[in-house]
């Protein structure tokens, strides 16, 4: 694994952090509960892992 590949994976993780924070707030505002937020975060994490594993 070369350095550019590691940098790309770290960048993808940081990029997925923005929707996690902003989207989590929006989901909480819409549903008023933390359960949908947890589901949203888990789905976002699975998506991030899919991008990183490529």
Protein backbone atom coordinates (compact mmCIF):
# COMPACT_ATOMS: atom_id res chain seq x y z
CA UNK A 1 0.00 0.00 0.00
CA UNK A 2 1.61 3.23 -1.10
CA UNK A 3 1.29 6.63 0.51
CA UNK A 4 -1.18 8.05 -2.02
CA UNK A 5 -3.58 5.19 -1.37
CA UNK A 6 -3.41 5.79 2.39
CA UNK A 7 -3.99 9.51 1.85
CA UNK A 8 -7.02 8.77 -0.33
CA UNK A 9 -8.54 6.52 2.33
CA UNK A 10 -7.99 9.09 5.08
CA UNK A 11 -9.50 11.79 2.86
CA UNK A 12 -12.55 9.62 2.24
CA UNK A 13 -13.00 9.09 5.97
CA UNK A 14 -12.81 12.84 6.61
CA UNK A 15 -15.20 13.53 3.74
CA UNK A 16 -17.73 11.10 5.24
CA UNK A 17 -17.47 12.90 8.58
CA UNK A 18 -19.26 15.96 7.24
CA UNK A 19 -22.48 14.12 6.29
CA UNK A 20 -22.29 12.22 9.56
CA UNK A 21 -22.36 15.41 11.63
CA UNK A 22 -24.70 17.52 9.50
CA UNK A 23 -26.93 14.64 8.41
CA UNK A 24 -27.18 13.32 11.96
CA UNK A 25 -28.47 16.69 13.09
CA UNK A 26 -31.00 16.84 10.27
CA UNK A 27 -32.23 13.32 10.98
CA UNK A 28 -32.60 14.14 14.68
CA UNK A 29 -34.50 17.32 13.83
CA UNK A 30 -36.87 15.44 11.52
CA UNK A 31 -37.57 12.47 13.79
CA UNK A 32 -36.85 13.86 17.28
CA UNK A 33 -35.19 10.65 18.44
CA UNK A 34 -31.73 9.15 18.48
CA UNK A 35 -32.78 5.76 17.07
CA UNK A 36 -33.07 7.01 13.45
CA UNK A 37 -29.78 8.87 13.92
CA UNK A 38 -28.04 5.64 14.93
CA UNK A 39 -29.53 3.85 11.90
CA UNK A 40 -28.38 6.70 9.64
CA UNK A 41 -24.88 6.66 11.12
CA UNK A 42 -24.57 2.88 10.73
CA UNK A 43 -25.67 3.05 7.08
CA UNK A 44 -23.24 5.89 6.46
CA UNK A 45 -20.45 3.90 8.13
CA UNK A 46 -21.15 0.87 5.96
CA UNK A 47 -21.05 3.11 2.89
CA UNK A 48 -17.76 4.66 4.01
CA UNK A 49 -16.23 1.24 4.59
CA UNK A 50 -17.35 0.24 1.10
CA UNK A 51 -15.57 3.23 -0.41
CA UNK A 52 -12.45 2.69 1.68
CA UNK A 53 -12.16 -1.03 0.95
CA UNK A 54 -11.87 -0.42 -2.81
